[in-house]
Amino acid sequence: MNNKINLSLILLALVFLSAGCVSSLPKSQLQFGVEAAQYGLWDEAIFRWKKVLQFEPDSAAAHNNLAVAYEKKGEFEKAEKEYQKALQLNPKNEQIQANYRRFQNNLDQDRKKEEKNEKK
C-alpha cells in the first residue's frame, strides 16, 4: 500500500513538472529562434517560431518574428501574412508596427527600382 502511495506521488510530481516544462516550451523556443536569427540561421529560427505557434497560435511575437525571417529570406508574401496576423493580435505593439512600416517601405522601394529598370 505504501509503495502505491509513493508511486502515485511520484507520478503526480512528474505530471506537474512536465506541465511546467510544456508551458515554458514556447518561451524557450521563442528565445532559441531569436538566437538562431542573430547568427543568420533563418531556417532554424523559422522552425523554432513555428513550434511556438503550435502551442500558442496567438503569439504576436512569434508571428512578428516569422515575418522578419520570411522577409530576410525574400519570401515577401509569407512575411506580409505574418505581419498582418501579428498586428491583428497586438495592434498597439510599436515594435510590430515599426517592423511592418519598414517592410512596406522596403517593398515600395524595390517596386520603384523594378519599374525604373523596366523602363530602361
PDB file of N, CA and C in Angstrom:
ATOM      1  N   MET A   1       0.837  -1.187   0.000  1.00  0.00           N
ATOM      2  CA  MET A   1       0.000   0.000   0.000  1.00  0.00           C
ATOM      3  C   MET A   1       0.878   1.246   0.000  1.00  0.00           C
ATOM      4  N   ASN A   2       1.914   1.230   0.846  1.00  0.00           N
ATOM      5  CA  ASN A   2       2.819   2.366   0.949  1.00  0.00           C
ATOM      6  C   ASN A   2       3.529   2.629  -0.380  1.00  0.00           C
ATOM      7  N   ASN A   3       3.898   1.566  -1.085  1.00  0.00           N
ATOM      8  CA  ASN A   3       4.549   1.699  -2.389  1.00  0.00           C
ATOM      9  C   ASN A   3       3.617   2.328  -3.420  1.00  0.00           C
ATOM     10  N   LYS A   4       2.317   1.967  -3.332  1.00  0.00           N
ATOM     11  CA  LYS A   4       1.339   2.546  -4.257  1.00  0.00           C
ATOM     12  C   LYS A   4       1.199   4.046  -4.018  1.00  0.00           C
ATOM     13  N   ILE A   5       1.217   4.460  -2.771  1.00  0.00           N
ATOM     14  CA  ILE A   5       1.112   5.888  -2.446  1.00  0.00           C
ATOM     15  C   ILE A   5       2.349   6.620  -2.952  1.00  0.00           C
ATOM     16  N   ASN A   6       3.532   6.046  -2.706  1.00  0.00           N
ATOM     17  CA  ASN A   6       4.776   6.664  -3.181  1.00  0.00           C
ATOM     18  C   ASN A   6       4.784   6.772  -4.706  1.00  0.00           C
ATOM     19  N   LEU A   7       4.354   5.716  -5.379  1.00  0.00           N
ATOM     20  CA  LEU A   7       4.311   5.728  -6.834  1.00  0.00           C
ATOM     21  C   LEU A   7       3.322   6.783  -7.331  1.00  0.00           C
ATOM     22  N   SER A   8       2.195   6.891  -6.658  1.00  0.00           N
ATOM     23  CA  SER A   8       1.199   7.889  -7.038  1.00  0.00           C
ATOM     24  C   SER A   8       1.748   9.300  -6.861  1.00  0.00           C
ATOM     25  N   LEU A   9       2.467   9.521  -5.764  1.00  0.00           N
ATOM     26  CA  LEU A   9       3.055  10.839  -5.531  1.00  0.00           C
ATOM     27  C   LEU A   9       4.127  11.176  -6.569  1.00  0.00           C
ATOM     28  N   ILE A  10       4.911  10.181  -6.930  1.00  0.00           N
ATOM     29  CA  ILE A  10       5.944  10.392  -7.955  1.00  0.00           C
ATOM     30  C   ILE A  10       5.294  10.721  -9.294  1.00  0.00           C
ATOM     31  N   LEU A  11       4.257   9.960  -9.669  1.00  0.00           N
ATOM     32  CA  LEU A  11       3.567  10.228 -10.933  1.00  0.00           C
ATOM     33  C   LEU A  11       2.925  11.616 -10.926  1.00  0.00           C
ATOM     34  N   LEU A  12       2.339  11.975  -9.805  1.00  0.00           N
ATOM     35  CA  LEU A  12       1.726  13.301  -9.694  1.00  0.00           C
ATOM     36  C   LEU A  12       2.778  14.396  -9.825  1.00  0.00           C
ATOM     37  N   ALA A  13       3.923  14.202  -9.210  1.00  0.00           N
ATOM     38  CA  ALA A  13       5.006  15.177  -9.313  1.00  0.00           C
ATOM     39  C   ALA A  13       5.487  15.291 -10.757  1.00  0.00           C
ATOM     40  N   LEU A  14       5.592  14.150 -11.451  1.00  0.00           N
ATOM     41  CA  LEU A  14       6.012  14.174 -12.852  1.00  0.00           C
ATOM     42  C   LEU A  14       5.015  14.916 -13.728  1.00  0.00           C
ATOM     43  N   VAL A  15       3.739  14.750 -13.447  1.00  0.00           N
ATOM     44  CA  VAL A  15       2.717  15.465 -14.210  1.00  0.00           C
ATOM     45  C   VAL A  15       2.887  16.972 -14.028  1.00  0.00           C
ATOM     46  N   PHE A  16       3.087  17.410 -12.793  1.00  0.00           N
ATOM     47  CA  PHE A  16       3.268  18.840 -12.538  1.00  0.00           C
ATOM     48  C   PHE A  16       4.552  19.364 -13.171  1.00  0.00           C
ATOM     49  N   LEU A  17       5.614  18.579 -13.090  1.00  0.00           N
ATOM     50  CA  LEU A  17       6.874  19.004 -13.695  1.00  0.00           C
ATOM     51  C   LEU A  17       6.769  19.089 -15.204  1.00  0.00           C
ATOM     52  N   SER A  18       6.158  18.086 -15.808  1.00  0.00           N
ATOM     53  CA  SER A  18       6.039  18.111 -17.269  1.00  0.00           C
ATOM     54  C   SER A  18       5.099  19.220 -17.715  1.00  0.00           C
ATOM     55  N   ALA A  19       4.077  19.510 -16.941  1.00  0.00           N
ATOM     56  CA  ALA A  19       3.192  20.626 -17.280  1.00  0.00           C
ATOM     57  C   ALA A  19       3.964  21.939 -17.243  1.00  0.00           C
ATOM     58  N   GLY A  20       4.844  22.069 -16.285  1.00  0.00           N
ATOM     59  CA  GLY A  20       5.677  23.273 -16.217  1.00  0.00           C
ATOM     60  C   GLY A  20       6.617  23.365 -17.391  1.00  0.00           C
ATOM     61  N   CYS A  21       7.157  22.242 -17.820  1.00  0.00           N
ATOM     62  CA  CYS A  21       8.059  22.226 -18.981  1.00  0.00           C
ATOM     63  C   CYS A  21       7.311  22.588 -20.243  1.00  0.00           C
ATOM     64  N   VAL A  22       6.112  22.069 -20.389  1.00  0.00           N
ATOM     65  CA  VAL A  22       5.324  22.369 -21.581  1.00  0.00           C
ATOM     66  C   VAL A  22       4.992  23.851 -21.634  1.00  0.00           C
ATOM     67  N   SER A  23       4.638  24.445 -20.506  1.00  0.00           N
ATOM     68  CA  SER A  23       4.276  25.855 -20.525  1.00  0.00           C
ATOM     69  C   SER A  23       5.473  26.748 -20.788  1.00  0.00           C
ATOM     70  N   SER A  24       6.677  26.290 -20.464  1.00  0.00           N
ATOM     71  CA  SER A  24       7.856  27.104 -20.731  1.00  0.00           C
ATOM     72  C   SER A  24       8.438  26.820 -22.110  1.00  0.00           C
ATOM     73  N   LEU A  25       7.949  25.776 -22.772  1.00  0.00           N
ATOM     74  CA  LEU A  25       8.465  25.412 -24.087  1.00  0.00           C
ATOM     75  C   LEU A  25       8.328  26.553 -25.096  1.00  0.00           C
ATOM     76  N   PRO A  26       7.157  27.171 -25.244  1.00  0.00           N
ATOM     77  CA  PRO A  26       7.076  28.258 -26.222  1.00  0.00           C
ATOM     78  C   PRO A  26       8.063  29.388 -25.951  1.00  0.00           C
ATOM     79  N   LYS A  27       8.231  29.732 -24.704  1.00  0.00           N
ATOM     80  CA  LYS A  27       9.154  30.818 -24.367  1.00  0.00           C
ATOM     81  C   LYS A  27      10.585  30.446 -24.732  1.00  0.00           C
ATOM     82  N   SER A  28      10.982  29.218 -24.437  1.00  0.00           N
ATOM     83  CA  SER A  28      12.348  28.802 -24.756  1.00  0.00           C
ATOM     84  C   SER A  28      12.538  28.687 -26.264  1.00  0.00           C
ATOM     85  N   GLN A  29      11.518  28.220 -26.975  1.00  0.00           N
ATOM     86  CA  GLN A  29      11.605  28.127 -28.430  1.00  0.00           C
ATOM     87  C   GLN A  29      11.656  29.512 -29.068  1.00  0.00           C
ATOM     88  N   LEU A  30      10.910  30.447 -28.501  1.00  0.00           N
ATOM     89  CA  LEU A  30      10.930  31.831 -28.994  1.00  0.00           C
ATOM     90  C   LEU A  30      12.338  32.398 -28.862  1.00  0.00           C
ATOM     91  N   GLN A  31      12.950  32.185 -27.713  1.00  0.00           N
ATOM     92  CA  GLN A  31      14.309  32.688 -27.476  1.00  0.00           C
ATOM     93  C   GLN A  31      15.329  31.958 -28.350  1.00  0.00           C
ATOM     94  N   PHE A  32      15.168  30.657 -28.509  1.00  0.00           N
ATOM     95  CA  PHE A  32      16.070  29.883 -29.360  1.00  0.00           C
ATOM     96  C   PHE A  32      16.025  30.439 -30.784  1.00  0.00           C
ATOM     97  N   GLY A  33      14.817  30.751 -31.252  1.00  0.00           N
ATOM     98  CA  GLY A  33      14.665  31.320 -32.587  1.00  0.00           C
ATOM     99  C   GLY A  33      15.359  32.663 -32.720  1.00  0.00           C
ATOM    100  N   VAL A  34      15.258  33.490 -31.683  1.00  0.00           N
ATOM    101  CA  VAL A  34      15.928  34.801 -31.691  1.00  0.00           C
ATOM    102  C   VAL A  34      17.436  34.599 -31.801  1.00  0.00           C
ATOM    103  N   GLU A  35      17.965  33.670 -31.022  1.00  0.00           N
ATOM    104  CA  GLU A  35      19.408  33.418 -31.059  1.00  0.00           C
ATOM    105  C   GLU A  35      19.845  32.881 -32.413  1.00  0.00           C
ATOM    106  N   ALA A  36      19.044  32.010 -33.012  1.00  0.00           N
ATOM    107  CA  ALA A  36      19.373  31.493 -34.346  1.00  0.00           C
ATOM    108  C   ALA A  36      19.372  32.636 -35.367  1.00  0.00           C
ATOM    109  N   ALA A  37      18.393  33.524 -35.255  1.00  0.00           N
ATOM    110  CA  ALA A  37      18.303  34.660 -36.180  1.00  0.00           C
ATOM    111  C   ALA A  37      19.508  35.582 -36.045  1.00  0.00           C
ATOM    112  N   GLN A  38      19.993  35.751 -34.846  1.00  0.00           N
ATOM    113  CA  GLN A  38      21.161  36.608 -34.625  1.00  0.00           C
ATOM    114  C   GLN A  38      22.387  36.077 -35.362  1.00  0.00           C
ATOM    115  N   TYR A  39      22.419  34.781 -35.620  1.00  0.00           N
ATOM    116  CA  TYR A  39      23.517  34.169 -36.366  1.00  0.00           C
ATOM    117  C   TYR A  39      23.174  34.004 -37.847  1.00  0.00           C
ATOM    118  N   GLY A  40      22.022  34.536 -38.245  1.00  0.00           N
ATOM    119  CA  GLY A  40      21.613  34.425 -39.642  1.00  0.00           C
ATOM    120  C   GLY A  40      21.075  33.061 -40.023  1.00  0.00           C
ATOM    121  N   LEU A  41      20.725  32.251 -39.049  1.00  0.00           N
ATOM    122  CA  LEU A  41      20.199  30.904 -39.288  1.00  0.00           C
ATOM    123  C   LEU A  41      18.672  30.991 -39.406  1.00  0.00           C
ATOM    124  N   TRP A  42      18.209  31.546 -40.512  1.00  0.00           N
ATOM    125  CA  TRP A  42      16.793  31.864 -40.662  1.00  0.00           C
ATOM    126  C   TRP A  42      15.907  30.624 -40.712  1.00  0.00           C
ATOM    127  N   ASP A  43      16.364  29.565 -41.348  1.00  0.00           N
ATOM    128  CA  ASP A  43      15.541  28.348 -41.395  1.00  0.00           C
ATOM    129  C   ASP A  43      15.336  27.763 -39.998  1.00  0.00           C
ATOM    130  N   GLU A  44      16.388  27.771 -39.201  1.00  0.00           N
ATOM    131  CA  GLU A  44      16.274  27.284 -37.815  1.00  0.00           C
ATOM    132  C   GLU A  44      15.341  28.184 -37.008  1.00  0.00           C
ATOM    133  N   ALA A  45      15.478  29.478 -37.192  1.00  0.00           N
ATOM    134  CA  ALA A  45      14.611  30.429 -36.480  1.00  0.00           C
ATOM    135  C   ALA A  45      13.149  30.199 -36.851  1.00  0.00           C
ATOM    136  N   ILE A  46      12.907  30.035 -38.133  1.00  0.00           N
ATOM    137  CA  ILE A  46      11.532  29.786 -38.593  1.00  0.00           C
ATOM    138  C   ILE A  46      10.994  28.499 -37.974  1.00  0.00           C
ATOM    139  N   PHE A  47      11.800  27.468 -37.962  1.00  0.00           N
ATOM    140  CA  PHE A  47      11.393  26.204 -37.358  1.00  0.00           C
ATOM    141  C   PHE A  47      10.989  26.406 -35.902  1.00  0.00           C
ATOM    142  N   ARG A  48      11.787  27.141 -35.147  1.00  0.00           N
ATOM    143  CA  ARG A  48      11.510  27.366 -33.717  1.00  0.00           C
ATOM    144  C   ARG A  48      10.245  28.189 -33.520  1.00  0.00           C
ATOM    145  N   TRP A  49      10.075  29.234 -34.321  1.00  0.00           N
ATOM    146  CA  TRP A  49       8.900  30.087 -34.143  1.00  0.00           C
ATOM    147  C   TRP A  49       7.621  29.380 -34.566  1.00  0.00           C
ATOM    148  N   LYS A  50       7.713  28.487 -35.528  1.00  0.00           N
ATOM    149  CA  LYS A  50       6.549  27.677 -35.872  1.00  0.00           C
ATOM    150  C   LYS A  50       6.196  26.734 -34.719  1.00  0.00           C
ATOM    151  N   LYS A  51       7.219  26.239 -34.030  1.00  0.00           N
ATOM    152  CA  LYS A  51       6.971  25.394 -32.846  1.00  0.00           C
ATOM    153  C   LYS A  51       6.201  26.180 -31.786  1.00  0.00           C
ATOM    154  N   VAL A  52       6.600  27.436 -31.579  1.00  0.00           N
ATOM    155  CA  VAL A  52       5.898  28.296 -30.615  1.00  0.00           C
ATOM    156  C   VAL A  52       4.418  28.361 -30.992  1.00  0.00           C
ATOM    157  N   LEU A  53       4.153  28.560 -32.274  1.00  0.00           N
ATOM    158  CA  LEU A  53       2.768  28.719 -32.721  1.00  0.00           C
ATOM    159  C   LEU A  53       1.952  27.439 -32.584  1.00  0.00           C
ATOM    160  N   GLN A  54       2.602  26.293 -32.522  1.00  0.00           N
ATOM    161  CA  GLN A  54       1.875  25.044 -32.265  1.00  0.00           C
ATOM    162  C   GLN A  54       1.243  25.071 -30.879  1.00  0.00           C
ATOM    163  N   PHE A  55       1.925  25.706 -29.927  1.00  0.00           N
ATOM    164  CA  PHE A  55       1.438  25.774 -28.549  1.00  0.00           C
ATOM    165  C   PHE A  55       0.683  27.063 -28.266  1.00  0.00           C
ATOM    166  N   GLU A  56       1.095  28.128 -28.928  1.00  0.00           N
ATOM    167  CA  GLU A  56       0.474  29.446 -28.716  1.00  0.00           C
ATOM    168  C   GLU A  56       0.192  30.100 -30.067  1.00  0.00           C
ATOM    169  N   PRO A  57      -0.880  29.678 -30.736  1.00  0.00           N
ATOM    170  CA  PRO A  57      -1.156  30.212 -32.075  1.00  0.00           C
ATOM    171  C   PRO A  57      -1.417  31.720 -32.098  1.00  0.00           C
ATOM    172  N   ASP A  58      -1.720  32.286 -30.950  1.00  0.00           N
ATOM    173  CA  ASP A  58      -1.981  33.716 -30.872  1.00  0.00           C
ATOM    174  C   ASP A  58      -0.793  34.509 -30.348  1.00  0.00           C
ATOM    175  N   SER A  59       0.402  33.992 -30.523  1.00  0.00           N
ATOM    176  CA  SER A  59       1.610  34.697 -30.098  1.00  0.00           C
ATOM    177  C   SER A  59       1.979  35.744 -31.154  1.00  0.00           C
ATOM    178  N   ALA A  60       1.701  36.991 -30.839  1.00  0.00           N
ATOM    179  CA  ALA A  60       2.043  38.080 -31.765  1.00  0.00           C
ATOM    180  C   ALA A  60       3.548  38.145 -31.976  1.00  0.00           C
ATOM    181  N   ALA A  61       4.308  37.867 -30.934  1.00  0.00           N
ATOM    182  CA  ALA A  61       5.775  37.901 -31.048  1.00  0.00           C
ATOM    183  C   ALA A  61       6.268  36.857 -32.034  1.00  0.00           C
ATOM    184  N   ALA A  62       5.733  35.655 -31.982  1.00  0.00           N
ATOM    185  CA  ALA A  62       6.161  34.602 -32.904  1.00  0.00           C
ATOM    186  C   ALA A  62       5.776  34.957 -34.338  1.00  0.00           C
ATOM    187  N   HIS A  63       4.583  35.492 -34.540  1.00  0.00           N
ATOM    188  CA  HIS A  63       4.163  35.895 -35.889  1.00  0.00           C
ATOM    189  C   HIS A  63       5.042  37.031 -36.410  1.00  0.00           C
ATOM    190  N   ASN A  64       5.348  37.994 -35.551  1.00  0.00           N
ATOM    191  CA  ASN A  64       6.227  39.092 -35.956  1.00  0.00           C
ATOM    192  C   ASN A  64       7.612  38.571 -36.319  1.00  0.00           C
ATOM    193  N   ASN A  65       8.150  37.694 -35.493  1.00  0.00           N
ATOM    194  CA  ASN A  65       9.476  37.147 -35.757  1.00  0.00           C
ATOM    195  C   ASN A  65       9.496  36.328 -37.046  1.00  0.00           C
ATOM    196  N   LEU A  66       8.440  35.561 -37.277  1.00  0.00           N
ATOM    197  CA  LEU A  66       8.341  34.813 -38.529  1.00  0.00           C
ATOM    198  C   LEU A  66       8.318  35.768 -39.716  1.00  0.00           C
ATOM    199  N   ALA A  67       7.592  36.860 -39.578  1.00  0.00           N
ATOM    200  CA  ALA A  67       7.518  37.840 -40.661  1.00  0.00           C
ATOM    201  C   ALA A  67       8.897  38.388 -40.993  1.00  0.00           C
ATOM    202  N   VAL A  68       9.662  38.722 -39.973  1.00  0.00           N
ATOM    203  CA  VAL A  68      11.019  39.236 -40.184  1.00  0.00           C
ATOM    204  C   VAL A  68      11.874  38.185 -40.892  1.00  0.00           C
ATOM    205  N   ALA A  69      11.766  36.940 -40.446  1.00  0.00           N
ATOM    206  CA  ALA A  69      12.559  35.868 -41.040  1.00  0.00           C
ATOM    207  C   ALA A  69      12.181  35.659 -42.505  1.00  0.00           C
ATOM    208  N   TYR A  70      10.894  35.628 -42.793  1.00  0.00           N
ATOM    209  CA  TYR A  70      10.461  35.456 -44.180  1.00  0.00           C
ATOM    210  C   TYR A  70      10.930  36.638 -45.043  1.00  0.00           C
ATOM    211  N   GLU A  71      10.876  37.810 -44.470  1.00  0.00           N
ATOM    212  CA  GLU A  71      11.354  38.991 -45.189  1.00  0.00           C
ATOM    213  C   GLU A  71      12.840  38.838 -45.523  1.00  0.00           C
ATOM    214  N   LYS A  72      13.623  38.405 -44.549  1.00  0.00           N
ATOM    215  CA  LYS A  72      15.063  38.224 -44.762  1.00  0.00           C
ATOM    216  C   LYS A  72      15.341  37.184 -45.844  1.00  0.00           C
ATOM    217  N   LYS A  73      14.471  36.188 -45.949  1.00  0.00           N
ATOM    218  CA  LYS A  73      14.649  35.130 -46.945  1.00  0.00           C
ATOM    219  C   LYS A  73      14.059  35.509 -48.303  1.00  0.00           C
ATOM    220  N   GLY A  74      13.425  36.683 -48.379  1.00  0.00           N
ATOM    221  CA  GLY A  74      12.833  37.119 -49.639  1.00  0.00           C
ATOM    222  C   GLY A  74      11.471  36.523 -49.916  1.00  0.00           C
ATOM    223  N   GLU A  75      10.854  35.948 -48.905  1.00  0.00           N
ATOM    224  CA  GLU A  75       9.518  35.358 -49.035  1.00  0.00           C
ATOM    225  C   GLU A  75       8.495  36.397 -48.576  1.00  0.00           C
ATOM    226  N   PHE A  76       8.263  37.383 -49.448  1.00  0.00           N
ATOM    227  CA  PHE A  76       7.519  38.576 -49.061  1.00  0.00           C
ATOM    228  C   PHE A  76       6.029  38.329 -48.833  1.00  0.00           C
ATOM    229  N   GLU A  77       5.428  37.412 -49.577  1.00  0.00           N
ATOM    230  CA  GLU A  77       4.010  37.125 -49.350  1.00  0.00           C
ATOM    231  C   GLU A  77       3.792  36.508 -47.970  1.00  0.00           C
ATOM    232  N   LYS A  78       4.680  35.583 -47.608  1.00  0.00           N
ATOM    233  CA  LYS A  78       4.578  34.975 -46.275  1.00  0.00           C
ATOM    234  C   LYS A  78       4.843  36.022 -45.199  1.00  0.00           C
ATOM    235  N   ALA A  79       5.806  36.890 -45.438  1.00  0.00           N
ATOM    236  CA  ALA A  79       6.117  37.947 -44.468  1.00  0.00           C
ATOM    237  C   ALA A  79       4.907  38.847 -44.266  1.00  0.00           C
ATOM    238  N   GLU A  80       4.290  39.255 -45.347  1.00  0.00           N
ATOM    239  CA  GLU A  80       3.099  40.120 -45.287  1.00  0.00           C
ATOM    240  C   GLU A  80       2.005  39.471 -44.434  1.00  0.00           C
ATOM    241  N   LYS A  81       1.754  38.201 -44.697  1.00  0.00           N
ATOM    242  CA  LYS A  81       0.720  37.458 -43.958  1.00  0.00           C
ATOM    243  C   LYS A  81       1.033  37.428 -42.465  1.00  0.00           C
ATOM    244  N   GLU A  82       2.298  37.164 -42.122  1.00  0.00           N
ATOM    245  CA  GLU A  82       2.672  37.081 -40.707  1.00  0.00           C
ATOM    246  C   GLU A  82       2.620  38.449 -40.025  1.00  0.00           C
ATOM    247  N   TYR A  83       3.052  39.495 -40.724  1.00  0.00           N
ATOM    248  CA  TYR A  83       2.947  40.843 -40.141  1.00  0.00           C
ATOM    249  C   TYR A  83       1.488  41.189 -39.867  1.00  0.00           C
ATOM    250  N   GLN A  84       0.628  40.893 -40.827  1.00  0.00           N
ATOM    251  CA  GLN A  84      -0.792  41.211 -40.643  1.00  0.00           C
ATOM    252  C   GLN A  84      -1.393  40.442 -39.470  1.00  0.00           C
ATOM    253  N   LYS A  85      -1.000  39.184 -39.329  1.00  0.00           N
ATOM    254  CA  LYS A  85      -1.502  38.387 -38.194  1.00  0.00           C
ATOM    255  C   LYS A  85      -0.993  38.953 -36.877  1.00  0.00           C
ATOM    256  N   ALA A  86       0.282  39.319 -36.834  1.00  0.00           N
ATOM    257  CA  ALA A  86       0.856  39.894 -35.614  1.00  0.00           C
ATOM    258  C   ALA A  86       0.136  41.183 -35.240  1.00  0.00           C
ATOM    259  N   LEU A  87      -0.127  42.014 -36.238  1.00  0.00           N
ATOM    260  CA  LEU A  87      -0.834  43.278 -35.968  1.00  0.00           C
ATOM    261  C   LEU A  87      -2.279  43.043 -35.550  1.00  0.00           C
ATOM    262  N   GLN A  88      -2.898  42.039 -36.123  1.00  0.00           N
ATOM    263  CA  GLN A  88      -4.263  41.692 -35.730  1.00  0.00           C
ATOM    264  C   GLN A  88      -4.300  41.280 -34.254  1.00  0.00           C
ATOM    265  N   LEU A  89      -3.302  40.512 -33.839  1.00  0.00           N
ATOM    266  CA  LEU A  89      -3.248  40.018 -32.464  1.00  0.00           C
ATOM    267  C   LEU A  89      -2.836  41.097 -31.468  1.00  0.00           C
ATOM    268  N   ASN A  90      -1.980  42.016 -31.903  1.00  0.00           N
ATOM    269  CA  ASN A  90      -1.475  43.049 -30.997  1.00  0.00           C
ATOM    270  C   ASN A  90      -1.297  44.358 -31.775  1.00  0.00           C
ATOM    271  N   PRO A  91      -2.415  45.020 -32.098  1.00  0.00           N
ATOM    272  CA  PRO A  91      -2.363  46.195 -32.975  1.00  0.00           C
ATOM    273  C   PRO A  91      -1.634  47.405 -32.388  1.00  0.00           C
ATOM    274  N   LYS A  92      -1.460  47.451 -31.101  1.00  0.00           N
ATOM    275  CA  LYS A  92      -0.813  48.610 -30.480  1.00  0.00           C
ATOM    276  C   LYS A  92       0.676  48.402 -30.213  1.00  0.00           C
ATOM    277  N   ASN A  93       1.200  47.248 -30.583  1.00  0.00           N
ATOM    278  CA  ASN A  93       2.606  46.959 -30.346  1.00  0.00           C
ATOM    279  C   ASN A  93       3.463  47.801 -31.291  1.00  0.00           C
ATOM    280  N   GLU A  94       4.243  48.693 -30.712  1.00  0.00           N
ATOM    281  CA  GLU A  94       5.038  49.627 -31.513  1.00  0.00           C
ATOM    282  C   GLU A  94       6.135  48.935 -32.311  1.00  0.00           C
ATOM    283  N   GLN A  95       6.711  47.874 -31.771  1.00  0.00           N
ATOM    284  CA  GLN A  95       7.762  47.149 -32.492  1.00  0.00           C
ATOM    285  C   GLN A  95       7.202  46.479 -33.737  1.00  0.00           C
ATOM    286  N   ILE A  96       6.048  45.852 -33.599  1.00  0.00           N
ATOM    287  CA  ILE A  96       5.421  45.206 -34.752  1.00  0.00           C
ATOM    288  C   ILE A  96       5.047  46.259 -35.790  1.00  0.00           C
ATOM    289  N   GLN A  97       4.474  47.372 -35.333  1.00  0.00           N
ATOM    290  CA  GLN A  97       4.112  48.449 -36.250  1.00  0.00           C
ATOM    291  C   GLN A  97       5.340  48.961 -37.007  1.00  0.00           C
ATOM    292  N   ALA A  98       6.431  49.166 -36.288  1.00  0.00           N
ATOM    293  CA  ALA A  98       7.662  49.677 -36.910  1.00  0.00           C
ATOM    294  C   ALA A  98       8.215  48.668 -37.918  1.00  0.00           C
ATOM    295  N   ASN A  99       8.205  47.392 -37.562  1.00  0.00           N
ATOM    296  CA  ASN A  99       8.697  46.360 -38.482  1.00  0.00           C
ATOM    297  C   ASN A  99       7.853  46.322 -39.757  1.00  0.00           C
ATOM    298  N   TYR A 100       6.548  46.438 -39.593  1.00  0.00           N
ATOM    299  CA  TYR A 100       5.655  46.375 -40.750  1.00  0.00           C
ATOM    300  C   TYR A 100       5.825  47.611 -41.641  1.00  0.00           C
ATOM    301  N   ARG A 101       5.976  48.784 -41.031  1.00  0.00           N
ATOM    302  CA  ARG A 101       6.223  50.007 -41.822  1.00  0.00           C
ATOM    303  C   ARG A 101       7.530  49.880 -42.612  1.00  0.00           C
ATOM    304  N   ARG A 102       8.570  49.381 -41.955  1.00  0.00           N
ATOM    305  CA  ARG A 102       9.858  49.200 -42.619  1.00  0.00           C
ATOM    306  C   ARG A 102       9.716  48.226 -43.781  1.00  0.00           C
ATOM    307  N   PHE A 103       9.005  47.140 -43.542  1.00  0.00           N
ATOM    308  CA  PHE A 103       8.752  46.137 -44.582  1.00  0.00           C
ATOM    309  C   PHE A 103       8.042  46.776 -45.777  1.00  0.00           C
ATOM    310  N   GLN A 104       6.997  47.535 -45.515  1.00  0.00           N
ATOM    311  CA  GLN A 104       6.249  48.179 -46.596  1.00  0.00           C
ATOM    312  C   GLN A 104       7.124  49.174 -47.355  1.00  0.00           C
ATOM    313  N   ASN A 105       7.921  49.950 -46.632  1.00  0.00           N
ATOM    314  CA  ASN A 105       8.816  50.908 -47.279  1.00  0.00           C
ATOM    315  C   ASN A 105       9.827  50.196 -48.170  1.00  0.00           C
ATOM    316  N   ASN A 106      10.389  49.106 -47.668  1.00  0.00           N
ATOM    317  CA  ASN A 106      11.347  48.336 -48.463  1.00  0.00           C
ATOM    318  C   ASN A 106      10.696  47.768 -49.725  1.00  0.00           C
ATOM    319  N   LEU A 107       9.464  47.281 -49.594  1.00  0.00           N
ATOM    320  CA  LEU A 107       8.752  46.760 -50.759  1.00  0.00           C
ATOM    321  C   LEU A 107       8.502  47.863 -51.776  1.00  0.00           C
ATOM    322  N   ASP A 108       8.086  49.022 -51.285  1.00  0.00           N
ATOM    323  CA  ASP A 108       7.835  50.156 -52.175  1.00  0.00           C
ATOM    324  C   ASP A 108       9.099  50.554 -52.915  1.00  0.00           C
ATOM    325  N   GLN A 109      10.220  50.603 -52.213  1.00  0.00           N
ATOM    326  CA  GLN A 109      11.490  50.956 -52.848  1.00  0.00           C
ATOM    327  C   GLN A 109      11.893  49.920 -53.887  1.00  0.00           C
ATOM    328  N   ASP A 110      11.705  48.654 -53.569  1.00  0.00           N
ATOM    329  CA  ASP A 110      12.035  47.588 -54.518  1.00  0.00           C
ATOM    330  C   ASP A 110      11.167  47.687 -55.775  1.00  0.00           C
ATOM    331  N   ARG A 111       9.890  47.972 -55.589  1.00  0.00           N
ATOM    332  CA  ARG A 111       8.986  48.104 -56.740  1.00  0.00           C
ATOM    333  C   ARG A 111       9.393  49.271 -57.621  1.00  0.00           C
ATOM    334  N   LYS A 112       9.765  50.375 -56.994  1.00  0.00           N
ATOM    335  CA  LYS A 112      10.196  51.545 -57.762  1.00  0.00           C
ATOM    336  C   LYS A 112      11.470  51.241 -58.550  1.00  0.00           C
ATOM    337  N   LYS A 113      12.389  50.524 -57.942  1.00  0.00           N
ATOM    338  CA  LYS A 113      13.620  50.136 -58.646  1.00  0.00           C
ATOM    339  C   LYS A 113      13.303  49.245 -59.836  1.00  0.00           C
ATOM    340  N   GLU A 114      12.380  48.286 -59.624  1.00  0.00           N
ATOM    341  CA  GLU A 114      11.998  47.384 -60.710  1.00  0.00           C
ATOM    342  C   GLU A 114      11.359  48.149 -61.857  1.00  0.00           C
ATOM    343  N   GLU A 115      10.483  49.099 -61.520  1.00  0.00           N
ATOM    344  CA  GLU A 115       9.830  49.906 -62.551  1.00  0.00           C
ATOM    345  C   GLU A 115      10.865  50.730 -63.316  1.00  0.00           C
ATOM    346  N   LYS A 116      11.814  51.275 -62.597  1.00  0.00           N
ATOM    347  CA  LYS A 116      12.860  52.088 -63.226  1.00  0.00           C
ATOM    348  C   LYS A 116      13.705  51.227 -64.165  1.00  0.00           C
ATOM    349  N   ASN A 117      14.050  50.015 -63.740  1.00  0.00           N
ATOM    350  CA  ASN A 117      14.835  49.094 -64.564  1.00  0.00           C
ATOM    351  C   ASN A 117      14.054  48.631 -65.793  1.00  0.00           C
ATOM    352  N   GLU A 118      12.739  48.464 -65.651  1.00  0.00           N
ATOM    353  CA  GLU A 118      11.913  48.037 -66.784  1.00  0.00           C
ATOM    354  C   GLU A 118      11.830  49.129 -67.847  1.00  0.00           C
ATOM    355  N   LYS A 119      11.901  50.374 -67.428  1.00  0.00           N
ATOM    356  CA  LYS A 119      11.815  51.490 -68.371  1.00  0.00           C
ATOM    357  C   LYS A 119      13.087  51.665 -69.179  1.00  0.00           C
ATOM    358  N   LYS A 120      14.171  51.121 -68.714  1.00  0.00           N
ATOM    359  CA  LYS A 120      15.466  51.275 -69.406  1.00  0.00           C
ATOM    360  C   LYS A 120      15.535  50.459 -70.654  1.00  0.00           C
TER     361      LYS A 120
END
